[in-house]
């Protein structure tokens, strides 16, 4: 009888020990996740509730030796379409998005592919609202489709260089459409028009997107690059540092506001050895004489 009581007591004690070990293991695991790696999980949660947009850098100015500006930047307001957000917003509102088929070459072999029909999504979910506000504009449907297929992470410029009344109307009515946003971008401005165009050169969109850098952002907007002459030869100095805009996602995953913004930094200013004259008159003869000179003919100063 006593032996049975002892065996029962041992079993209860053993069971209690197992429960204590289980609770201790669970507590240790919770501590490991919430305390030891709490910062890591918090960062992942924060990252899933926000989207990042790369802001193009601002190029430095080109001046003559007297400090007279020859090339500068001006702000241009654009209406951008964030196409992945539009597809997501359409799916949330109407269900599965319409699909389209196209032939693509994968590993050297032609293959039929399916993708969301971005043209129907824009025409059916975005344009009607813009029409109600008299803000809709014509756009190139083929260009939009190619952009979605090849440069999905890059915002599509729907309206470029909009005027102030149009921008005010967008801001006033808060169109409330997923993937529609107003952005300001620096545009190269040549103060004296065609003066010394053979010397100053011009800028344009990059030939290739830096895929490794693009992976760091939800949406990627690349920098313009110099294509010829000074703009090209001094590109590494003129190019500044990009900024980042942090957008807030709501519980449905739709972007509904800006959290904060790290503005881009301007590149260095380049000063030419020839000048346009102290009075600011166009002296094309002096500039023309510099067209074949090396980098020693330029002075570089970091913009403050």
C-alpha atoms as a PDB file:
ATOM      1  CA  UNK A   1       0.000   0.000   0.000  1.00  0.00           C
ATOM      2  CA  UNK A   2       2.789   2.397   0.950  1.00  0.00           C
ATOM      3  CA  UNK A   3       4.679   1.406  -2.193  1.00  0.00           C
ATOM      4  CA  UNK A   4       1.682   2.342  -4.384  1.00  0.00           C
ATOM      5  CA  UNK A   5       1.426   5.725  -2.679  1.00  0.00           C
ATOM      6  CA  UNK A   6       5.109   6.304  -3.256  1.00  0.00           C
ATOM      7  CA  UNK A   7       4.796   5.347  -6.942  1.00  0.00           C
ATOM      8  CA  UNK A   8       1.809   7.675  -7.388  1.00  0.00           C
ATOM      9  CA  UNK A   9       3.681  10.501  -5.699  1.00  0.00           C
ATOM     10  CA  UNK A  10       6.723   9.921  -7.929  1.00  0.00           C
ATOM     11  CA  UNK A  11       4.550   9.987 -11.016  1.00  0.00           C
ATOM     12  CA  UNK A  12       2.952  13.271  -9.969  1.00  0.00           C
ATOM     13  CA  UNK A  13       6.348  14.758  -9.186  1.00  0.00           C
ATOM     14  CA  UNK A  14       7.726  13.565 -12.528  1.00  0.00           C
ATOM     15  CA  UNK A  15       4.733  15.037 -14.365  1.00  0.00           C
ATOM     16  CA  UNK A  16       5.165  18.320 -12.499  1.00  0.00           C
ATOM     17  CA  UNK A  17       8.860  18.333 -13.427  1.00  0.00           C
ATOM     18  CA  UNK A  18       7.987  17.845 -17.104  1.00  0.00           C
ATOM     19  CA  UNK A  19       5.496  20.706 -16.921  1.00  0.00           C
ATOM     20  CA  UNK A  20       8.092  22.965 -15.319  1.00  0.00           C
ATOM     21  CA  UNK A  21      10.651  22.038 -17.956  1.00  0.00           C
ATOM     22  CA  UNK A  22       8.093  22.737 -20.708  1.00  0.00           C
ATOM     23  CA  UNK A  23       7.150  26.093 -19.246  1.00  0.00           C
ATOM     24  CA  UNK A  24      10.809  26.961 -18.771  1.00  0.00           C
ATOM     25  CA  UNK A  25      11.586  26.051 -22.380  1.00  0.00           C
ATOM     26  CA  UNK A  26       8.611  28.101 -23.612  1.00  0.00           C
ATOM     27  CA  UNK A  27       9.673  31.059 -21.471  1.00  0.00           C
ATOM     28  CA  UNK A  28      13.246  30.811 -22.750  1.00  0.00           C
ATOM     29  CA  UNK A  29      11.990  30.713 -26.325  1.00  0.00           C
ATOM     30  CA  UNK A  30       9.785  33.739 -25.797  1.00  0.00           C
ATOM     31  CA  UNK A  31      12.703  35.621 -24.257  1.00  0.00           C
ATOM     32  CA  UNK A  32      14.905  34.668 -27.182  1.00  0.00           C
ATOM     33  CA  UNK A  33      12.388  35.966 -29.719  1.00  0.00           C
ATOM     34  CA  UNK A  34      11.014  39.032 -27.944  1.00  0.00           C
ATOM     35  CA  UNK A  35      14.078  40.260 -26.052  1.00  0.00           C
ATOM     36  CA  UNK A  36      17.205  38.924 -27.668  1.00  0.00           C
ATOM     37  CA  UNK A  37      15.913  39.388 -31.245  1.00  0.00           C
ATOM     38  CA  UNK A  38      13.199  41.944 -30.561  1.00  0.00           C
ATOM     39  CA  UNK A  39      14.895  44.698 -32.531  1.00  0.00           C
ATOM     40  CA  UNK A  40      15.207  42.465 -35.590  1.00  0.00           C
ATOM     41  CA  UNK A  41      11.528  41.528 -35.605  1.00  0.00           C
ATOM     42  CA  UNK A  42      10.519  45.130 -34.982  1.00  0.00           C
ATOM     43  CA  UNK A  43      12.539  46.221 -38.006  1.00  0.00           C
ATOM     44  CA  UNK A  44      10.872  43.583 -40.166  1.00  0.00           C
ATOM     45  CA  UNK A  45       7.426  44.639 -38.969  1.00  0.00           C
ATOM     46  CA  UNK A  46       8.235  48.270 -39.644  1.00  0.00           C
ATOM     47  CA  UNK A  47       9.537  47.405 -43.084  1.00  0.00           C
ATOM     48  CA  UNK A  48       6.344  45.539 -43.972  1.00  0.00           C
ATOM     49  CA  UNK A  49       4.205  48.554 -42.989  1.00  0.00           C
ATOM     50  CA  UNK A  50       6.035  51.075 -45.156  1.00  0.00           C
ATOM     51  CA  UNK A  51       7.264  51.481 -48.711  1.00  0.00           C
ATOM     52  CA  UNK A  52      10.396  53.273 -49.827  1.00  0.00           C
ATOM     53  CA  UNK A  53      10.805  55.450 -52.900  1.00  0.00           C
ATOM     54  CA  UNK A  54      14.219  56.447 -54.192  1.00  0.00           C
ATOM     55  CA  UNK A  55      14.370  60.191 -54.884  1.00  0.00           C
ATOM     56  CA  UNK A  56      16.716  61.075 -57.766  1.00  0.00           C
ATOM     57  CA  UNK A  57      19.812  63.027 -56.841  1.00  0.00           C
ATOM     58  CA  UNK A  58      20.229  66.686 -57.798  1.00  0.00           C
ATOM     59  CA  UNK A  59      23.060  67.427 -60.208  1.00  0.00           C
ATOM     60  CA  UNK A  60      25.491  70.194 -59.500  1.00  0.00           C
ATOM     61  CA  UNK A  61      25.533  73.386 -61.543  1.00  0.00           C
ATOM     62  CA  UNK A  62      27.951  74.325 -64.293  1.00  0.00           C
ATOM     63  CA  UNK A  63      29.310  77.875 -64.053  1.00  0.00           C
ATOM     64  CA  UNK A  64      31.914  79.989 -65.763  1.00  0.00           C
ATOM     65  CA  UNK A  65      34.991  81.168 -63.830  1.00  0.00           C
ATOM     66  CA  UNK A  66      33.169  84.311 -62.684  1.00  0.00           C
ATOM     67  CA  UNK A  67      30.427  82.280 -61.080  1.00  0.00           C
ATOM     68  CA  UNK A  68      27.824  82.957 -63.773  1.00  0.00           C
ATOM     69  CA  UNK A  69      25.487  79.967 -63.966  1.00  0.00           C
ATOM     70  CA  UNK A  70      25.314  78.248 -67.349  1.00  0.00           C
ATOM     71  CA  UNK A  71      23.464  75.066 -66.349  1.00  0.00           C
ATOM     72  CA  UNK A  72      21.185  74.711 -63.334  1.00  0.00           C
ATOM     73  CA  UNK A  73      18.176  72.721 -62.115  1.00  0.00           C
ATOM     74  CA  UNK A  74      14.517  73.592 -61.850  1.00  0.00           C
ATOM     75  CA  UNK A  75      11.771  71.719 -60.041  1.00  0.00           C
ATOM     76  CA  UNK A  76       9.222  69.879 -62.160  1.00  0.00           C
ATOM     77  CA  UNK A  77       5.995  68.479 -60.694  1.00  0.00           C
ATOM     78  CA  UNK A  78       4.761  65.197 -62.104  1.00  0.00           C
ATOM     79  CA  UNK A  79       1.843  62.848 -61.544  1.00  0.00           C
ATOM     80  CA  UNK A  80       3.295  59.367 -61.131  1.00  0.00           C
ATOM     81  CA  UNK A  81       1.618  55.974 -61.302  1.00  0.00           C
ATOM     82  CA  UNK A  82       2.968  53.316 -58.935  1.00  0.00           C
ATOM     83  CA  UNK A  83       1.740  50.392 -60.996  1.00  0.00           C
ATOM     84  CA  UNK A  84       2.150  47.524 -58.466  1.00  0.00           C
ATOM     85  CA  UNK A  85       0.091  49.551 -55.969  1.00  0.00           C
ATOM     86  CA  UNK A  86      -2.598  50.047 -58.611  1.00  0.00           C
ATOM     87  CA  UNK A  87      -2.821  46.307 -59.237  1.00  0.00           C
ATOM     88  CA  UNK A  88      -3.020  45.647 -55.503  1.00  0.00           C
ATOM     89  CA  UNK A  89      -5.683  48.328 -55.018  1.00  0.00           C
ATOM     90  CA  UNK A  90      -7.727  46.928 -57.905  1.00  0.00           C
ATOM     91  CA  UNK A  91      -7.523  43.442 -56.403  1.00  0.00           C
ATOM     92  CA  UNK A  92      -8.717  44.731 -53.022  1.00  0.00           C
ATOM     93  CA  UNK A  93     -11.669  46.605 -54.521  1.00  0.00           C
ATOM     94  CA  UNK A  94     -12.836  44.370 -57.366  1.00  0.00           C
ATOM     95  CA  UNK A  95     -11.207  40.975 -56.853  1.00  0.00           C
ATOM     96  CA  UNK A  96      -8.897  39.239 -59.323  1.00  0.00           C
ATOM     97  CA  UNK A  97      -7.514  41.714 -61.882  1.00  0.00           C
ATOM     98  CA  UNK A  98      -7.991  41.114 -65.619  1.00  0.00           C
ATOM     99  CA  UNK A  99      -5.129  39.262 -67.267  1.00  0.00           C
ATOM    100  CA  UNK A 100      -3.424  39.570 -70.608  1.00  0.00           C
ATOM    101  CA  UNK A 101      -1.176  37.143 -72.454  1.00  0.00           C
ATOM    102  CA  UNK A 102       2.050  37.904 -74.260  1.00  0.00           C
ATOM    103  CA  UNK A 103       4.911  35.983 -75.800  1.00  0.00           C
ATOM    104  CA  UNK A 104       8.263  36.273 -74.023  1.00  0.00           C
ATOM    105  CA  UNK A 105      11.665  34.697 -74.520  1.00  0.00           C
ATOM    106  CA  UNK A 106      12.832  32.794 -71.436  1.00  0.00           C
ATOM    107  CA  UNK A 107      16.199  31.029 -71.467  1.00  0.00           C
ATOM    108  CA  UNK A 108      16.285  31.386 -75.234  1.00  0.00           C
ATOM    109  CA  UNK A 109      12.861  29.756 -75.704  1.00  0.00           C
ATOM    110  CA  UNK A 110       9.594  31.538 -76.627  1.00  0.00           C
ATOM    111  CA  UNK A 111       6.934  31.078 -73.988  1.00  0.00           C
ATOM    112  CA  UNK A 112       3.414  32.398 -73.363  1.00  0.00           C
ATOM    113  CA  UNK A 113       3.137  34.462 -70.191  1.00  0.00           C
ATOM    114  CA  UNK A 114       0.235  36.025 -68.280  1.00  0.00           C
ATOM    115  CA  UNK A 115       0.237  39.281 -66.359  1.00  0.00           C
ATOM    116  CA  UNK A 116      -2.333  41.754 -64.999  1.00  0.00           C
ATOM    117  CA  UNK A 117      -3.768  43.869 -67.814  1.00  0.00           C
ATOM    118  CA  UNK A 118      -2.469  47.205 -66.558  1.00  0.00           C
ATOM    119  CA  UNK A 119      -4.270  49.136 -69.304  1.00  0.00           C
ATOM    120  CA  UNK A 120      -7.704  47.815 -68.262  1.00  0.00           C
ATOM    121  CA  UNK A 121      -6.833  48.393 -64.606  1.00  0.00           C
ATOM    122  CA  UNK A 122      -5.893  52.025 -65.237  1.00  0.00           C
ATOM    123  CA  UNK A 123      -8.829  52.695 -67.564  1.00  0.00           C
ATOM    124  CA  UNK A 124     -11.323  50.995 -65.277  1.00  0.00           C
ATOM    125  CA  UNK A 125     -10.071  51.928 -61.812  1.00  0.00           C
ATOM    126  CA  UNK A 126      -8.123  55.189 -62.167  1.00  0.00           C
ATOM    127  CA  UNK A 127      -9.218  57.198 -65.198  1.00  0.00           C
ATOM    128  CA  UNK A 128     -12.949  57.465 -64.235  1.00  0.00           C
ATOM    129  CA  UNK A 129     -12.040  59.172 -60.949  1.00  0.00           C
ATOM    130  CA  UNK A 130      -9.630  61.515 -62.743  1.00  0.00           C
ATOM    131  CA  UNK A 131     -12.351  62.297 -65.301  1.00  0.00           C
ATOM    132  CA  UNK A 132     -14.710  63.281 -62.493  1.00  0.00           C
ATOM    133  CA  UNK A 133     -12.130  65.847 -61.347  1.00  0.00           C
ATOM    134  CA  UNK A 134     -11.271  66.925 -64.909  1.00  0.00           C
ATOM    135  CA  UNK A 135      -7.697  65.726 -64.341  1.00  0.00           C
ATOM    136  CA  UNK A 136      -7.500  62.895 -66.876  1.00  0.00           C
ATOM    137  CA  UNK A 137      -5.010  63.209 -69.722  1.00  0.00           C
ATOM    138  CA  UNK A 138      -4.258  61.134 -72.785  1.00  0.00           C
ATOM    139  CA  UNK A 139      -1.437  58.650 -72.379  1.00  0.00           C
ATOM    140  CA  UNK A 140       0.395  56.084 -74.497  1.00  0.00           C
ATOM    141  CA  UNK A 141      -1.161  52.725 -73.635  1.00  0.00           C
ATOM    142  CA  UNK A 142       1.600  50.740 -75.337  1.00  0.00           C
ATOM    143  CA  UNK A 143       4.267  52.621 -73.414  1.00  0.00           C
ATOM    144  CA  UNK A 144       2.398  52.019 -70.160  1.00  0.00           C
ATOM    145  CA  UNK A 145       2.203  48.274 -70.826  1.00  0.00           C
ATOM    146  CA  UNK A 146       5.898  48.033 -71.748  1.00  0.00           C
ATOM    147  CA  UNK A 147       6.792  50.011 -68.639  1.00  0.00           C
ATOM    148  CA  UNK A 148       4.832  47.645 -66.389  1.00  0.00           C
ATOM    149  CA  UNK A 149       6.397  44.621 -68.060  1.00  0.00           C
ATOM    150  CA  UNK A 150      10.012  45.768 -68.028  1.00  0.00           C
ATOM    151  CA  UNK A 151      10.353  48.435 -65.313  1.00  0.00           C
ATOM    152  CA  UNK A 152       7.680  47.514 -62.778  1.00  0.00           C
ATOM    153  CA  UNK A 153       9.492  49.047 -59.807  1.00  0.00           C
ATOM    154  CA  UNK A 154       9.947  52.418 -61.560  1.00  0.00           C
ATOM    155  CA  UNK A 155       7.009  54.885 -61.288  1.00  0.00           C
ATOM    156  CA  UNK A 156       5.312  55.680 -64.593  1.00  0.00           C
ATOM    157  CA  UNK A 157       5.125  59.408 -65.366  1.00  0.00           C
ATOM    158  CA  UNK A 158       1.479  60.040 -66.254  1.00  0.00           C
ATOM    159  CA  UNK A 159       1.657  63.844 -66.506  1.00  0.00           C
ATOM    160  CA  UNK A 160       4.989  65.643 -66.710  1.00  0.00           C
ATOM    161  CA  UNK A 161       5.739  69.235 -65.806  1.00  0.00           C
ATOM    162  CA  UNK A 162       2.233  70.033 -64.572  1.00  0.00           C
ATOM    163  CA  UNK A 163       1.231  73.631 -63.918  1.00  0.00           C
ATOM    164  CA  UNK A 164       0.347  75.010 -60.510  1.00  0.00           C
ATOM    165  CA  UNK A 165      -3.486  74.974 -60.945  1.00  0.00           C
ATOM    166  CA  UNK A 166      -3.395  71.272 -61.868  1.00  0.00           C
ATOM    167  CA  UNK A 167      -1.136  70.459 -58.933  1.00  0.00           C
ATOM    168  CA  UNK A 168      -3.413  72.448 -56.596  1.00  0.00           C
ATOM    169  CA  UNK A 169      -6.455  70.535 -57.861  1.00  0.00           C
ATOM    170  CA  UNK A 170      -4.755  67.215 -57.186  1.00  0.00           C
ATOM    171  CA  UNK A 171      -3.795  68.315 -53.690  1.00  0.00           C
ATOM    172  CA  UNK A 172      -7.158  69.903 -52.904  1.00  0.00           C
ATOM    173  CA  UNK A 173      -9.348  66.962 -53.896  1.00  0.00           C
ATOM    174  CA  UNK A 174      -7.034  64.224 -52.579  1.00  0.00           C
ATOM    175  CA  UNK A 175      -7.939  61.826 -55.392  1.00  0.00           C
ATOM    176  CA  UNK A 176      -7.559  58.902 -52.977  1.00  0.00           C
ATOM    177  CA  UNK A 177      -6.487  56.449 -55.661  1.00  0.00           C
ATOM    178  CA  UNK A 178      -3.968  53.716 -54.884  1.00  0.00           C
ATOM    179  CA  UNK A 179      -0.722  54.238 -56.738  1.00  0.00           C
ATOM    180  CA  UNK A 180      -1.342  57.883 -57.764  1.00  0.00           C
ATOM    181  CA  UNK A 181       1.064  60.424 -56.331  1.00  0.00           C
ATOM    182  CA  UNK A 182       2.596  63.815 -57.079  1.00  0.00           C
ATOM    183  CA  UNK A 183       6.387  63.978 -57.174  1.00  0.00           C
ATOM    184  CA  UNK A 184       8.824  66.808 -57.732  1.00  0.00           C
ATOM    185  CA  UNK A 185      11.862  66.026 -59.841  1.00  0.00           C
ATOM    186  CA  UNK A 186      14.882  68.124 -60.777  1.00  0.00           C
ATOM    187  CA  UNK A 187      15.037  68.986 -64.485  1.00  0.00           C
ATOM    188  CA  UNK A 188      18.188  70.262 -66.176  1.00  0.00           C
ATOM    189  CA  UNK A 189      17.880  73.872 -67.329  1.00  0.00           C
ATOM    190  CA  UNK A 190      20.366  75.452 -69.756  1.00  0.00           C
ATOM    191  CA  UNK A 191      20.181  79.137 -68.896  1.00  0.00           C
ATOM    192  CA  UNK A 192      21.348  80.505 -72.252  1.00  0.00           C
ATOM    193  CA  UNK A 193      19.627  77.984 -74.461  1.00  0.00           C
ATOM    194  CA  UNK A 194      21.808  76.675 -77.259  1.00  0.00           C
ATOM    195  CA  UNK A 195      24.862  78.670 -76.205  1.00  0.00           C
ATOM    196  CA  UNK A 196      27.908  76.379 -76.108  1.00  0.00           C
ATOM    197  CA  UNK A 197      25.751  73.266 -76.477  1.00  0.00           C
ATOM    198  CA  UNK A 198      28.770  71.565 -78.123  1.00  0.00           C
ATOM    199  CA  UNK A 199      30.713  72.200 -74.901  1.00  0.00           C
ATOM    200  CA  UNK A 200      28.143  71.703 -72.151  1.00  0.00           C
ATOM    201  CA  UNK A 201      26.492  68.591 -73.601  1.00  0.00           C
ATOM    202  CA  UNK A 202      23.196  67.208 -72.364  1.00  0.00           C
ATOM    203  CA  UNK A 203      21.712  64.633 -69.975  1.00  0.00           C
ATOM    204  CA  UNK A 204      19.273  61.792 -70.428  1.00  0.00           C
ATOM    205  CA  UNK A 205      17.810  58.678 -68.865  1.00  0.00           C
ATOM    206  CA  UNK A 206      20.355  55.976 -67.964  1.00  0.00           C
ATOM    207  CA  UNK A 207      20.863  53.175 -70.459  1.00  0.00           C
ATOM    208  CA  UNK A 208      20.479  50.509 -67.759  1.00  0.00           C
ATOM    209  CA  UNK A 209      18.882  50.337 -64.307  1.00  0.00           C
ATOM    210  CA  UNK A 210      21.127  49.399 -61.409  1.00  0.00           C
ATOM    211  CA  UNK A 211      19.242  46.254 -60.378  1.00  0.00           C
ATOM    212  CA  UNK A 212      21.227  45.770 -57.183  1.00  0.00           C
ATOM    213  CA  UNK A 213      20.399  49.269 -55.994  1.00  0.00           C
ATOM    214  CA  UNK A 214      16.780  48.969 -57.144  1.00  0.00           C
ATOM    215  CA  UNK A 215      16.295  45.958 -54.842  1.00  0.00           C
ATOM    216  CA  UNK A 216      16.846  48.224 -51.830  1.00  0.00           C
ATOM    217  CA  UNK A 217      13.711  50.249 -52.606  1.00  0.00           C
ATOM    218  CA  UNK A 218      10.041  49.458 -53.134  1.00  0.00           C
ATOM    219  CA  UNK A 219       9.955  51.940 -56.011  1.00  0.00           C
ATOM    220  CA  UNK A 220      13.024  53.087 -57.886  1.00  0.00           C
ATOM    221  CA  UNK A 221      13.580  56.380 -59.701  1.00  0.00           C
ATOM    222  CA  UNK A 222      16.970  56.522 -61.370  1.00  0.00           C
ATOM    223  CA  UNK A 223      19.209  59.535 -61.891  1.00  0.00           C
ATOM    224  CA  UNK A 224      19.733  61.173 -65.251  1.00  0.00           C
ATOM    225  CA  UNK A 225      23.269  60.842 -66.535  1.00  0.00           C
ATOM    226  CA  UNK A 226      25.503  62.943 -68.734  1.00  0.00           C
ATOM    227  CA  UNK A 227      25.406  61.886 -72.361  1.00  0.00           C
ATOM    228  CA  UNK A 228      28.054  64.062 -73.961  1.00  0.00           C
ATOM    229  CA  UNK A 229      30.859  66.584 -73.360  1.00  0.00           C
ATOM    230  CA  UNK A 230      31.064  68.235 -69.899  1.00  0.00           C
ATOM    231  CA  UNK A 231      27.851  66.678 -68.644  1.00  0.00           C
ATOM    232  CA  UNK A 232      29.342  63.261 -69.428  1.00  0.00           C
ATOM    233  CA  UNK A 233      33.034  63.753 -68.614  1.00  0.00           C
ATOM    234  CA  UNK A 234      32.239  65.373 -65.235  1.00  0.00           C
ATOM    235  CA  UNK A 235      29.248  63.164 -64.457  1.00  0.00           C
ATOM    236  CA  UNK A 236      30.827  61.558 -61.381  1.00  0.00           C
ATOM    237  CA  UNK A 237      31.299  65.006 -59.799  1.00  0.00           C
ATOM    238  CA  UNK A 238      28.013  66.571 -60.916  1.00  0.00           C
ATOM    239  CA  UNK A 239      25.928  63.661 -59.700  1.00  0.00           C
ATOM    240  CA  UNK A 240      24.700  64.026 -56.117  1.00  0.00           C
ATOM    241  CA  UNK A 241      23.368  61.562 -53.562  1.00  0.00           C
ATOM    242  CA  UNK A 242      19.800  60.260 -53.838  1.00  0.00           C
ATOM    243  CA  UNK A 243      17.171  60.700 -51.144  1.00  0.00           C
ATOM    244  CA  UNK A 244      14.504  58.376 -49.790  1.00  0.00           C
ATOM    245  CA  UNK A 245      10.766  58.918 -49.242  1.00  0.00           C
ATOM    246  CA  UNK A 246       9.123  56.599 -46.715  1.00  0.00           C
ATOM    247  CA  UNK A 247       5.457  55.926 -47.431  1.00  0.00           C
ATOM    248  CA  UNK A 248       2.990  54.535 -44.889  1.00  0.00           C
ATOM    249  CA  UNK A 249       0.876  51.483 -45.675  1.00  0.00           C
ATOM    250  CA  UNK A 250      -2.486  50.991 -44.004  1.00  0.00           C
ATOM    251  CA  UNK A 251      -3.904  47.692 -42.711  1.00  0.00           C
ATOM    252  CA  UNK A 252      -4.937  46.715 -46.255  1.00  0.00           C
ATOM    253  CA  UNK A 253      -1.428  47.309 -47.557  1.00  0.00           C
ATOM    254  CA  UNK A 254      -2.392  50.415 -49.543  1.00  0.00           C
ATOM    255  CA  UNK A 255      -0.186  53.498 -49.374  1.00  0.00           C
ATOM    256  CA  UNK A 256      -2.053  56.326 -47.637  1.00  0.00           C
ATOM    257  CA  UNK A 257       0.563  58.878 -46.616  1.00  0.00           C
ATOM    258  CA  UNK A 258       4.184  59.922 -46.215  1.00  0.00           C
ATOM    259  CA  UNK A 259       6.023  59.004 -43.023  1.00  0.00           C
ATOM    260  CA  UNK A 260       9.152  61.039 -43.606  1.00  0.00           C
ATOM    261  CA  UNK A 261      11.585  62.031 -46.298  1.00  0.00           C
ATOM    262  CA  UNK A 262      15.365  62.168 -46.515  1.00  0.00           C
ATOM    263  CA  UNK A 263      16.023  64.806 -49.200  1.00  0.00           C
ATOM    264  CA  UNK A 264      18.639  64.217 -51.895  1.00  0.00           C
ATOM    265  CA  UNK A 265      21.963  66.032 -51.824  1.00  0.00           C
ATOM    266  CA  UNK A 266      23.208  68.154 -54.669  1.00  0.00           C
ATOM    267  CA  UNK A 267      26.382  67.235 -56.518  1.00  0.00           C
ATOM    268  CA  UNK A 268      29.474  69.389 -56.864  1.00  0.00           C
ATOM    269  CA  UNK A 269      29.471  72.538 -58.966  1.00  0.00           C
ATOM    270  CA  UNK A 270      31.837  72.647 -61.935  1.00  0.00           C
ATOM    271  CA  UNK A 271      33.525  75.935 -62.871  1.00  0.00           C
ATOM    272  CA  UNK A 272      34.905  76.444 -66.380  1.00  0.00           C
ATOM    273  CA  UNK A 273      38.109  78.311 -67.094  1.00  0.00           C
ATOM    274  CA  UNK A 274      36.579  80.441 -69.857  1.00  0.00           C
ATOM    275  CA  UNK A 275      33.879  82.938 -68.936  1.00  0.00           C
ATOM    276  CA  UNK A 276      30.840  84.564 -70.510  1.00  0.00           C
ATOM    277  CA  UNK A 277      32.007  87.984 -69.417  1.00  0.00           C
ATOM    278  CA  UNK A 278      31.436  89.836 -66.153  1.00  0.00           C
ATOM    279  CA  UNK A 279      28.392  91.574 -67.558  1.00  0.00           C
ATOM    280  CA  UNK A 280      26.716  88.257 -68.294  1.00  0.00           C
ATOM    281  CA  UNK A 281      26.751  88.769 -72.069  1.00  0.00           C
ATOM    282  CA  UNK A 282      27.057  85.685 -74.167  1.00  0.00           C
ATOM    283  CA  UNK A 283      30.635  85.279 -75.198  1.00  0.00           C
ATOM    284  CA  UNK A 284      30.455  82.207 -77.371  1.00  0.00           C
ATOM    285  CA  UNK A 285      34.018  82.724 -78.708  1.00  0.00           C
ATOM    286  CA  UNK A 286      35.600  82.163 -75.263  1.00  0.00           C
ATOM    287  CA  UNK A 287      33.472  79.121 -74.576  1.00  0.00           C
ATOM    288  CA  UNK A 288      34.165  77.693 -78.009  1.00  0.00           C
ATOM    289  CA  UNK A 289      37.911  77.761 -77.364  1.00  0.00           C
ATOM    290  CA  UNK A 290      37.462  75.381 -74.406  1.00  0.00           C
ATOM    291  CA  UNK A 291      35.649  72.592 -76.236  1.00  0.00           C
ATOM    292  CA  UNK A 292      38.726  70.400 -76.606  1.00  0.00           C
ATOM    293  CA  UNK A 293      40.347  70.864 -73.193  1.00  0.00           C
ATOM    294  CA  UNK A 294      40.863  68.218 -70.531  1.00  0.00           C
ATOM    295  CA  UNK A 295      39.610  68.072 -66.936  1.00  0.00           C
ATOM    296  CA  UNK A 296      42.394  70.440 -65.932  1.00  0.00           C
ATOM    297  CA  UNK A 297      40.299  73.211 -67.472  1.00  0.00           C
ATOM    298  CA  UNK A 298      37.599  72.732 -64.817  1.00  0.00           C
ATOM    299  CA  UNK A 299      37.405  73.585 -61.135  1.00  0.00           C
ATOM    300  CA  UNK A 300      35.149  71.489 -58.934  1.00  0.00           C
ATOM    301  CA  UNK A 301      33.490  72.831 -55.810  1.00  0.00           C
ATOM    302  CA  UNK A 302      31.131  70.938 -53.573  1.00  0.00           C
ATOM    303  CA  UNK A 303      27.745  72.622 -53.328  1.00  0.00           C
ATOM    304  CA  UNK A 304      26.796  73.683 -49.797  1.00  0.00           C
END
